[in-house]
Amino acid sequence: QLEVVTHPAFALPDMDGTHREFTEGDGTHRLINFWATWCAPCRREIPLLKSFQEEHGDDGFQIIGIAVDFPDLVAEFAEEVAFKYPILTGQQDAMAVAETSGVEFIGMPFTMIVARDGELLGAYLGELHQSHLDDIVTILTRLDKGELNKKEVSGALDLL
């Protein structure tokens, strides 16, 4: 029986091999995107995630990419893509992080949505589109303004 966590905690290596703690992002809303180089929908959503990071990074949103893949393949792909957000790598370790969400997922991409205080608010299974990202920004901005509580936010995210 897997224990479901409400506040994910992990450390995975980045592209330089430096272990990065999840808590480094405290104070920002985080979209933790699990992907792989061999996953076509994952590759399709990366330009969207790059644009999202450029557009919303200063507003307290942070994309964190977690590649469930071989580091050398990820490094080669990253040179081509020029990510605008941190990319962490791992195979079994990365899958273990995704599984702690308690969400039944059978493939990638898979995105965990985490509040500024580190609480897991929800997850999206499948390829993100602009409308999903727009809705996530609206929902989390309403949370910041006190217009929605976390339970309402989780319910709204479940409807994406």
C-alpha atoms as a PDB file:
ATOM      1  CA  GLN A   1       0.000   0.000   0.000  1.00  0.00           C
ATOM      2  CA  LEU A   2       1.529   3.285  -1.149  1.00  0.00           C
ATOM      3  CA  GLU A   3       1.315   6.208   1.225  1.00  0.00           C
ATOM      4  CA  VAL A   4      -0.248   9.242  -0.414  1.00  0.00           C
ATOM      5  CA  VAL A   5       1.540  12.454   0.492  1.00  0.00           C
ATOM      6  CA  THR A   6      -0.064  15.860   0.695  1.00  0.00           C
ATOM      7  CA  HIS A   7       3.293  17.668   0.758  1.00  0.00           C
ATOM      8  CA  PRO A   8       5.703  16.036  -1.721  1.00  0.00           C
ATOM      9  CA  ALA A   9       9.345  15.931  -0.641  1.00  0.00           C
ATOM     10  CA  PHE A  10      12.105  14.671  -2.884  1.00  0.00           C
ATOM     11  CA  ALA A  11      15.550  15.335  -4.251  1.00  0.00           C
ATOM     12  CA  LEU A  12      16.524  14.406  -7.792  1.00  0.00           C
ATOM     13  CA  PRO A  13      19.573  15.304  -9.868  1.00  0.00           C
ATOM     14  CA  ASP A  14      19.357  18.188 -12.327  1.00  0.00           C
ATOM     15  CA  MET A  15      21.032  18.267 -15.723  1.00  0.00           C
ATOM     16  CA  ASP A  16      24.399  18.973 -14.066  1.00  0.00           C
ATOM     17  CA  GLY A  17      24.041  16.077 -11.632  1.00  0.00           C
ATOM     18  CA  THR A  18      23.347  18.374  -8.660  1.00  0.00           C
ATOM     19  CA  HIS A  19      20.638  17.054  -6.356  1.00  0.00           C
ATOM     20  CA  ARG A  20      17.802  19.560  -6.161  1.00  0.00           C
ATOM     21  CA  GLU A  21      15.350  19.578  -3.280  1.00  0.00           C
ATOM     22  CA  PHE A  22      11.656  20.023  -4.021  1.00  0.00           C
ATOM     23  CA  THR A  23      11.463  22.566  -1.181  1.00  0.00           C
ATOM     24  CA  GLU A  24      13.658  24.968  -3.202  1.00  0.00           C
ATOM     25  CA  GLY A  25      10.432  26.045  -4.883  1.00  0.00           C
ATOM     26  CA  ASP A  26       8.551  26.903  -1.690  1.00  0.00           C
ATOM     27  CA  GLY A  27       6.768  30.216  -2.127  1.00  0.00           C
ATOM     28  CA  THR A  28       5.845  29.486  -5.737  1.00  0.00           C
ATOM     29  CA  HIS A  29       3.008  27.504  -7.262  1.00  0.00           C
ATOM     30  CA  ARG A  30       4.669  24.510  -8.923  1.00  0.00           C
ATOM     31  CA  LEU A  31       3.606  22.462 -11.901  1.00  0.00           C
ATOM     32  CA  ILE A  32       5.674  19.292 -11.718  1.00  0.00           C
ATOM     33  CA  ASN A  33       5.638  17.825 -15.201  1.00  0.00           C
ATOM     34  CA  PHE A  34       6.672  14.174 -15.638  1.00  0.00           C
ATOM     35  CA  TRP A  35       7.828  13.426 -19.168  1.00  0.00           C
ATOM     36  CA  ALA A  36      10.189  11.341 -21.291  1.00  0.00           C
ATOM     37  CA  THR A  37      12.102  11.903 -24.517  1.00  0.00           C
ATOM     38  CA  TRP A  38      10.248   9.004 -26.203  1.00  0.00           C
ATOM     39  CA  CYS A  39       6.793  10.390 -25.320  1.00  0.00           C
ATOM     40  CA  ALA A  40       5.251  12.302 -28.261  1.00  0.00           C
ATOM     41  CA  PRO A  41       2.577  14.158 -26.206  1.00  0.00           C
ATOM     42  CA  CYS A  42       5.301  15.142 -23.709  1.00  0.00           C
ATOM     43  CA  ARG A  43       7.414  16.604 -26.483  1.00  0.00           C
ATOM     44  CA  ARG A  44       4.406  18.493 -27.892  1.00  0.00           C
ATOM     45  CA  GLU A  45       3.636  20.244 -24.596  1.00  0.00           C
ATOM     46  CA  ILE A  46       7.217  21.385 -23.837  1.00  0.00           C
ATOM     47  CA  PRO A  47       7.059  24.576 -26.006  1.00  0.00           C
ATOM     48  CA  LEU A  48       3.818  25.476 -24.208  1.00  0.00           C
ATOM     49  CA  LEU A  49       5.453  24.920 -20.809  1.00  0.00           C
ATOM     50  CA  LYS A  50       8.449  27.045 -21.830  1.00  0.00           C
ATOM     51  CA  SER A  51       6.117  29.894 -22.839  1.00  0.00           C
ATOM     52  CA  PHE A  52       4.123  29.467 -19.629  1.00  0.00           C
ATOM     53  CA  GLN A  53       7.306  29.759 -17.534  1.00  0.00           C
ATOM     54  CA  GLU A  54       8.396  32.912 -19.357  1.00  0.00           C
ATOM     55  CA  GLU A  55       4.948  34.462 -19.039  1.00  0.00           C
ATOM     56  CA  HIS A  56       4.087  33.487 -15.450  1.00  0.00           C
ATOM     57  CA  GLY A  57       7.432  32.929 -13.708  1.00  0.00           C
ATOM     58  CA  ASP A  58       7.464  36.458 -12.284  1.00  0.00           C
ATOM     59  CA  ASP A  59       3.928  35.895 -10.950  1.00  0.00           C
ATOM     60  CA  GLY A  60       5.047  33.054  -8.685  1.00  0.00           C
ATOM     61  CA  PHE A  61       4.579  30.036 -10.949  1.00  0.00           C
ATOM     62  CA  GLN A  62       7.338  27.489 -11.527  1.00  0.00           C
ATOM     63  CA  ILE A  63       7.445  24.587 -13.953  1.00  0.00           C
ATOM     64  CA  ILE A  64       9.674  21.728 -12.849  1.00  0.00           C
ATOM     65  CA  GLY A  65      10.284  19.042 -15.447  1.00  0.00           C
ATOM     66  CA  ILE A  66      11.021  15.548 -14.203  1.00  0.00           C
ATOM     67  CA  ALA A  67      12.341  13.317 -16.965  1.00  0.00           C
ATOM     68  CA  VAL A  68      11.589   9.658 -16.380  1.00  0.00           C
ATOM     69  CA  ASP A  69      14.368   8.716 -18.743  1.00  0.00           C
ATOM     70  CA  PHE A  70      18.074   8.095 -19.165  1.00  0.00           C
ATOM     71  CA  PRO A  71      20.124  11.216 -18.264  1.00  0.00           C
ATOM     72  CA  ASP A  72      22.203  11.094 -21.467  1.00  0.00           C
ATOM     73  CA  LEU A  73      19.066  11.050 -23.655  1.00  0.00           C
ATOM     74  CA  VAL A  74      17.598  13.911 -21.633  1.00  0.00           C
ATOM     75  CA  ALA A  75      20.815  15.945 -21.936  1.00  0.00           C
ATOM     76  CA  GLU A  76      20.883  15.447 -25.705  1.00  0.00           C
ATOM     77  CA  PHE A  77      17.222  16.442 -26.014  1.00  0.00           C
ATOM     78  CA  ALA A  78      17.687  19.460 -23.700  1.00  0.00           C
ATOM     79  CA  GLU A  79      20.369  20.906 -26.003  1.00  0.00           C
ATOM     80  CA  GLU A  80      17.860  20.858 -28.840  1.00  0.00           C
ATOM     81  CA  VAL A  81      14.934  22.228 -26.803  1.00  0.00           C
ATOM     82  CA  ALA A  82      16.625  24.884 -24.584  1.00  0.00           C
ATOM     83  CA  PHE A  83      14.369  24.499 -21.555  1.00  0.00           C
ATOM     84  CA  LYS A  84      13.416  27.645 -19.619  1.00  0.00           C
ATOM     85  CA  TYR A  85      12.777  25.728 -16.387  1.00  0.00           C
ATOM     86  CA  PRO A  86      14.661  23.175 -14.264  1.00  0.00           C
ATOM     87  CA  ILE A  87      14.836  19.620 -15.547  1.00  0.00           C
ATOM     88  CA  LEU A  88      15.440  16.852 -13.030  1.00  0.00           C
ATOM     89  CA  THR A  89      16.149  13.302 -14.105  1.00  0.00           C
ATOM     90  CA  GLY A  90      15.576   9.838 -12.781  1.00  0.00           C
ATOM     91  CA  GLN A  91      13.999   6.590 -13.756  1.00  0.00           C
ATOM     92  CA  GLN A  92      12.653   4.569 -10.835  1.00  0.00           C
ATOM     93  CA  ASP A  93      13.242   7.478  -8.435  1.00  0.00           C
ATOM     94  CA  ALA A  94      11.197   9.807 -10.646  1.00  0.00           C
ATOM     95  CA  MET A  95       8.377   7.282 -10.935  1.00  0.00           C
ATOM     96  CA  ALA A  96       8.384   6.890  -7.150  1.00  0.00           C
ATOM     97  CA  VAL A  97       7.836  10.658  -6.794  1.00  0.00           C
ATOM     98  CA  ALA A  98       4.887  10.549  -9.214  1.00  0.00           C
ATOM     99  CA  GLU A  99       3.362   7.568  -7.413  1.00  0.00           C
ATOM    100  CA  THR A 100       3.308   9.421  -4.081  1.00  0.00           C
ATOM    101  CA  SER A 101       0.578  11.659  -5.523  1.00  0.00           C
ATOM    102  CA  GLY A 102      -1.890   8.811  -5.116  1.00  0.00           C
ATOM    103  CA  VAL A 103      -3.241   9.490  -8.600  1.00  0.00           C
ATOM    104  CA  GLU A 104      -3.694   6.405 -10.762  1.00  0.00           C
ATOM    105  CA  PHE A 105      -1.741   7.205 -13.886  1.00  0.00           C
ATOM    106  CA  ILE A 106      -0.782   4.859 -16.662  1.00  0.00           C
ATOM    107  CA  GLY A 107       1.401   7.033 -18.824  1.00  0.00           C
ATOM    108  CA  MET A 108       2.926  10.382 -19.455  1.00  0.00           C
ATOM    109  CA  PRO A 109       2.792  13.271 -19.491  1.00  0.00           C
ATOM    110  CA  PHE A 110       1.529  13.655 -15.956  1.00  0.00           C
ATOM    111  CA  THR A 111       1.540  16.977 -14.064  1.00  0.00           C
ATOM    112  CA  MET A 112       1.241  17.531 -10.305  1.00  0.00           C
ATOM    113  CA  ILE A 113      -0.087  20.945  -9.220  1.00  0.00           C
ATOM    114  CA  VAL A 114       1.410  22.163  -5.942  1.00  0.00           C
ATOM    115  CA  ALA A 115       0.520  25.286  -3.931  1.00  0.00           C
ATOM    116  CA  ARG A 116       3.013  27.871  -2.696  1.00  0.00           C
ATOM    117  CA  ASP A 117       3.174  26.134   0.706  1.00  0.00           C
ATOM    118  CA  GLY A 118       4.110  22.799  -0.874  1.00  0.00           C
ATOM    119  CA  GLU A 119       0.679  21.157  -0.646  1.00  0.00           C
ATOM    120  CA  LEU A 120      -0.327  18.911  -3.534  1.00  0.00           C
ATOM    121  CA  LEU A 121      -3.618  20.333  -4.831  1.00  0.00           C
ATOM    122  CA  GLY A 122      -4.237  18.065  -7.801  1.00  0.00           C
ATOM    123  CA  ALA A 123      -2.857  16.437 -10.893  1.00  0.00           C
ATOM    124  CA  TYR A 124      -3.525  16.412 -14.596  1.00  0.00           C
ATOM    125  CA  LEU A 125      -3.078  13.231 -16.615  1.00  0.00           C
ATOM    126  CA  GLY A 126      -2.249  13.644 -20.275  1.00  0.00           C
ATOM    127  CA  GLU A 127      -1.073  16.441 -22.513  1.00  0.00           C
ATOM    128  CA  LEU A 128      -1.624  19.963 -21.218  1.00  0.00           C
ATOM    129  CA  HIS A 129      -3.070  22.522 -23.609  1.00  0.00           C
ATOM    130  CA  GLN A 130      -3.182  26.321 -23.318  1.00  0.00           C
ATOM    131  CA  SER A 131      -6.744  26.228 -21.971  1.00  0.00           C
ATOM    132  CA  HIS A 132      -5.625  23.951 -19.103  1.00  0.00           C
ATOM    133  CA  LEU A 133      -2.746  26.248 -18.190  1.00  0.00           C
ATOM    134  CA  ASP A 134      -5.011  29.311 -18.355  1.00  0.00           C
ATOM    135  CA  ASP A 135      -7.492  27.591 -16.015  1.00  0.00           C
ATOM    136  CA  ILE A 136      -4.705  26.586 -13.592  1.00  0.00           C
ATOM    137  CA  VAL A 137      -3.480  30.203 -13.420  1.00  0.00           C
ATOM    138  CA  THR A 138      -7.028  31.479 -12.829  1.00  0.00           C
ATOM    139  CA  ILE A 139      -7.726  28.890 -10.116  1.00  0.00           C
ATOM    140  CA  LEU A 140      -4.435  29.402  -8.256  1.00  0.00           C
ATOM    141  CA  THR A 141      -4.709  33.188  -8.521  1.00  0.00           C
ATOM    142  CA  ARG A 142      -8.164  32.946  -6.920  1.00  0.00           C
ATOM    143  CA  LEU A 143      -6.575  30.854  -4.144  1.00  0.00           C
ATOM    144  CA  ASP A 144      -3.948  33.576  -3.612  1.00  0.00           C
ATOM    145  CA  LYS A 145      -6.688  36.214  -3.366  1.00  0.00           C
ATOM    146  CA  GLY A 146      -8.631  34.138  -0.839  1.00  0.00           C
ATOM    147  CA  GLU A 147     -11.570  33.704  -3.220  1.00  0.00           C
ATOM    148  CA  LEU A 148     -11.198  29.896  -3.112  1.00  0.00           C
ATOM    149  CA  ASN A 149     -10.006  27.569  -0.361  1.00  0.00           C
ATOM    150  CA  LYS A 150      -7.756  24.579  -1.065  1.00  0.00           C
ATOM    151  CA  LYS A 151     -10.641  22.112  -1.089  1.00  0.00           C
ATOM    152  CA  GLU A 152     -12.438  24.232  -3.705  1.00  0.00           C
ATOM    153  CA  VAL A 153      -9.194  24.514  -5.694  1.00  0.00           C
ATOM    154  CA  SER A 154      -8.741  20.721  -5.661  1.00  0.00           C
ATOM    155  CA  GLY A 155     -12.314  20.293  -6.874  1.00  0.00           C
ATOM    156  CA  ALA A 156     -11.809  22.837  -9.656  1.00  0.00           C
ATOM    157  CA  LEU A 157      -8.544  21.191 -10.733  1.00  0.00           C
ATOM    158  CA  ASP A 158     -10.290  17.805 -10.890  1.00  0.00           C
ATOM    159  CA  LEU A 159     -12.579  19.290 -13.564  1.00  0.00           C
ATOM    160  CA  LEU A 160      -9.728  20.260 -15.927  1.00  0.00           C
END
